[in-house]
């Protein structure tokens, strides 16, 4: 009988977490087959870091500050 490998998907919501994102992905990469990531209007390099990750879907929430 063949072995069954479960597909694990990690969900992450963040804002301005460029300091922590590389470690997050490095730590989970061997256990997770796909990442779904929601950026909540980051102003740092967080989005750039996420876009460089394989098997990752980035959802961006862009809002304008009130005048």
C-alpha atoms as a PDB file:
ATOM      1  CA  UNK A   1       0.000   0.000   0.000  1.00  0.00           C
ATOM      2  CA  UNK A   2       1.385   3.463  -0.924  1.00  0.00           C
ATOM      3  CA  UNK A   3       1.954   6.167   1.620  1.00  0.00           C
ATOM      4  CA  UNK A   4      -0.308   9.198   1.776  1.00  0.00           C
ATOM      5  CA  UNK A   5       1.252  12.644   2.031  1.00  0.00           C
ATOM      6  CA  UNK A   6      -1.077  15.350   3.311  1.00  0.00           C
ATOM      7  CA  UNK A   7      -0.928  18.732   1.632  1.00  0.00           C
ATOM      8  CA  UNK A   8      -0.289  21.457   4.190  1.00  0.00           C
ATOM      9  CA  UNK A   9      -1.145  25.057   3.353  1.00  0.00           C
ATOM     10  CA  UNK A  10       0.004  27.893   5.606  1.00  0.00           C
ATOM     11  CA  UNK A  11      -2.081  31.063   5.845  1.00  0.00           C
ATOM     12  CA  UNK A  12      -0.419  34.276   6.971  1.00  0.00           C
ATOM     13  CA  UNK A  13      -1.677  37.839   7.391  1.00  0.00           C
ATOM     14  CA  UNK A  14       0.889  40.545   8.032  1.00  0.00           C
ATOM     15  CA  UNK A  15       1.826  44.216   7.840  1.00  0.00           C
ATOM     16  CA  UNK A  16       5.402  45.488   7.762  1.00  0.00           C
ATOM     17  CA  UNK A  17       7.097  42.250   8.822  1.00  0.00           C
ATOM     18  CA  UNK A  18      10.172  42.271   6.565  1.00  0.00           C
ATOM     19  CA  UNK A  19      12.374  41.480   9.569  1.00  0.00           C
ATOM     20  CA  UNK A  20      10.538  38.214  10.332  1.00  0.00           C
ATOM     21  CA  UNK A  21       9.313  36.928   6.957  1.00  0.00           C
ATOM     22  CA  UNK A  22      12.579  35.304   5.757  1.00  0.00           C
ATOM     23  CA  UNK A  23      12.802  33.222   8.939  1.00  0.00           C
ATOM     24  CA  UNK A  24       9.111  32.343   8.777  1.00  0.00           C
ATOM     25  CA  UNK A  25       9.442  30.927   5.268  1.00  0.00           C
ATOM     26  CA  UNK A  26      12.786  29.205   5.981  1.00  0.00           C
ATOM     27  CA  UNK A  27      11.408  27.507   9.092  1.00  0.00           C
ATOM     28  CA  UNK A  28       8.234  26.171   7.453  1.00  0.00           C
ATOM     29  CA  UNK A  29       9.417  25.480   3.890  1.00  0.00           C
ATOM     30  CA  UNK A  30      10.111  21.775   4.555  1.00  0.00           C
ATOM     31  CA  UNK A  31       6.661  21.202   6.092  1.00  0.00           C
ATOM     32  CA  UNK A  32       4.371  23.344   3.954  1.00  0.00           C
ATOM     33  CA  UNK A  33       3.507  22.733   0.313  1.00  0.00           C
ATOM     34  CA  UNK A  34       1.888  26.130  -0.293  1.00  0.00           C
ATOM     35  CA  UNK A  35       1.658  29.543   1.368  1.00  0.00           C
ATOM     36  CA  UNK A  36      -1.291  31.908   1.061  1.00  0.00           C
ATOM     37  CA  UNK A  37      -0.269  35.325   2.298  1.00  0.00           C
ATOM     38  CA  UNK A  38      -2.368  38.465   2.921  1.00  0.00           C
ATOM     39  CA  UNK A  39      -0.483  41.734   3.060  1.00  0.00           C
ATOM     40  CA  UNK A  40      -2.320  44.463   4.968  1.00  0.00           C
ATOM     41  CA  UNK A  41      -0.920  47.550   3.250  1.00  0.00           C
ATOM     42  CA  UNK A  42       2.770  47.117   4.138  1.00  0.00           C
ATOM     43  CA  UNK A  43       5.126  50.012   3.497  1.00  0.00           C
ATOM     44  CA  UNK A  44       8.400  48.104   3.945  1.00  0.00           C
ATOM     45  CA  UNK A  45       9.949  45.321   1.808  1.00  0.00           C
ATOM     46  CA  UNK A  46       7.515  42.644   3.019  1.00  0.00           C
ATOM     47  CA  UNK A  47       5.722  42.269  -0.321  1.00  0.00           C
ATOM     48  CA  UNK A  48       9.018  41.973  -2.195  1.00  0.00           C
ATOM     49  CA  UNK A  49      10.136  39.188   0.165  1.00  0.00           C
ATOM     50  CA  UNK A  50       6.854  37.281  -0.248  1.00  0.00           C
ATOM     51  CA  UNK A  51       6.926  37.565  -4.047  1.00  0.00           C
ATOM     52  CA  UNK A  52      10.353  35.897  -4.088  1.00  0.00           C
ATOM     53  CA  UNK A  53       9.009  32.762  -2.340  1.00  0.00           C
ATOM     54  CA  UNK A  54       8.098  29.655  -4.358  1.00  0.00           C
ATOM     55  CA  UNK A  55       4.608  28.142  -4.087  1.00  0.00           C
ATOM     56  CA  UNK A  56       3.197  31.335  -2.609  1.00  0.00           C
ATOM     57  CA  UNK A  57       0.007  33.226  -3.410  1.00  0.00           C
ATOM     58  CA  UNK A  58       0.074  36.874  -2.364  1.00  0.00           C
ATOM     59  CA  UNK A  59      -3.153  38.759  -1.705  1.00  0.00           C
ATOM     60  CA  UNK A  60      -2.676  42.495  -1.246  1.00  0.00           C
ATOM     61  CA  UNK A  61      -5.021  44.761   0.651  1.00  0.00           C
ATOM     62  CA  UNK A  62      -4.416  48.331  -0.435  1.00  0.00           C
ATOM     63  CA  UNK A  63      -6.212  51.144   1.324  1.00  0.00           C
ATOM     64  CA  UNK A  64      -5.777  54.856   1.209  1.00  0.00           C
ATOM     65  CA  UNK A  65      -5.340  56.844   4.353  1.00  0.00           C
ATOM     66  CA  UNK A  66      -8.211  59.278   5.027  1.00  0.00           C
ATOM     67  CA  UNK A  67      -7.516  62.885   4.097  1.00  0.00           C
END
